[in-house]
C-alpha atoms as a PDB file:
ATOM      1  CA  UNK A   1      17.595  -7.317 -16.441  1.00  0.00           C
ATOM      2  CA  UNK A   2      15.316  -4.698 -18.003  1.00  0.00           C
ATOM      3  CA  UNK A   3      13.627  -4.120 -14.641  1.00  0.00           C
ATOM      4  CA  UNK A   4      17.014  -3.175 -13.222  1.00  0.00           C
ATOM      5  CA  UNK A   5      17.720  -0.837 -16.142  1.00  0.00           C
ATOM      6  CA  UNK A   6      14.503   1.121 -15.746  1.00  0.00           C
ATOM      7  CA  UNK A   7      14.568   1.336 -11.942  1.00  0.00           C
ATOM      8  CA  UNK A   8      15.043   4.847 -10.596  1.00  0.00           C
ATOM      9  CA  UNK A   9      17.954   5.727  -8.359  1.00  0.00           C
ATOM     10  CA  UNK A  10      16.838   7.322  -5.075  1.00  0.00           C
ATOM     11  CA  UNK A  11      13.739   8.769  -6.823  1.00  0.00           C
ATOM     12  CA  UNK A  12      16.153  11.272  -8.289  1.00  0.00           C
ATOM     13  CA  UNK A  13      17.560   9.718 -11.452  1.00  0.00           C
ATOM     14  CA  UNK A  14      15.179   8.121 -13.950  1.00  0.00           C
ATOM     15  CA  UNK A  15      15.913   6.064 -17.052  1.00  0.00           C
ATOM     16  CA  UNK A  16      14.067   5.660 -20.338  1.00  0.00           C
ATOM     17  CA  UNK A  17      14.884   4.355 -23.784  1.00  0.00           C
ATOM     18  CA  UNK A  18      14.930   1.290 -25.953  1.00  0.00           C
ATOM     19  CA  UNK A  19      16.972  -0.794 -23.500  1.00  0.00           C
ATOM     20  CA  UNK A  20      14.441  -0.227 -20.712  1.00  0.00           C
ATOM     21  CA  UNK A  21      11.397  -1.393 -22.654  1.00  0.00           C
ATOM     22  CA  UNK A  22      10.194  -4.792 -21.411  1.00  0.00           C
ATOM     23  CA  UNK A  23       8.452  -5.903 -24.614  1.00  0.00           C
ATOM     24  CA  UNK A  24       8.949  -3.376 -27.436  1.00  0.00           C
ATOM     25  CA  UNK A  25      12.705  -2.875 -27.389  1.00  0.00           C
ATOM     26  CA  UNK A  26      13.168  -3.268 -31.147  1.00  0.00           C
ATOM     27  CA  UNK A  27      10.535  -0.728 -32.147  1.00  0.00           C
ATOM     28  CA  UNK A  28       9.999   3.030 -31.929  1.00  0.00           C
ATOM     29  CA  UNK A  29       7.083   2.378 -29.584  1.00  0.00           C
ATOM     30  CA  UNK A  30       9.318   0.963 -26.828  1.00  0.00           C
ATOM     31  CA  UNK A  31      11.419   4.069 -26.193  1.00  0.00           C
ATOM     32  CA  UNK A  32       8.345   6.287 -26.444  1.00  0.00           C
ATOM     33  CA  UNK A  33       6.424   4.241 -23.892  1.00  0.00           C
ATOM     34  CA  UNK A  34       9.398   4.028 -21.550  1.00  0.00           C
ATOM     35  CA  UNK A  35       9.709   7.812 -21.740  1.00  0.00           C
ATOM     36  CA  UNK A  36       6.070   8.208 -20.748  1.00  0.00           C
ATOM     37  CA  UNK A  37       6.616   5.780 -17.880  1.00  0.00           C
ATOM     38  CA  UNK A  38       9.711   7.669 -16.684  1.00  0.00           C
ATOM     39  CA  UNK A  39       7.762  10.918 -16.880  1.00  0.00           C
ATOM     40  CA  UNK A  40       5.045   9.420 -14.683  1.00  0.00           C
ATOM     41  CA  UNK A  41       7.687   8.353 -12.166  1.00  0.00           C
ATOM     42  CA  UNK A  42       9.220  11.838 -12.109  1.00  0.00           C
ATOM     43  CA  UNK A  43       5.841  13.480 -11.560  1.00  0.00           C
ATOM     44  CA  UNK A  44       4.967  11.013  -8.807  1.00  0.00           C
ATOM     45  CA  UNK A  45       8.259  11.699  -7.045  1.00  0.00           C
ATOM     46  CA  UNK A  46       7.539  15.443  -7.049  1.00  0.00           C
ATOM     47  CA  UNK A  47       4.187  15.133  -5.323  1.00  0.00           C
END
């Protein structure tokens, strides 16, 4: 389920946050790491 939540839509819409974290969803680390991951996806889609 979490893989579906964090999947981008048409490399145009990206998701991050506690609900998208595969293993740290009850901590502050989870949303932070998912934000970094979404940022990486955005940058990769621009190049």
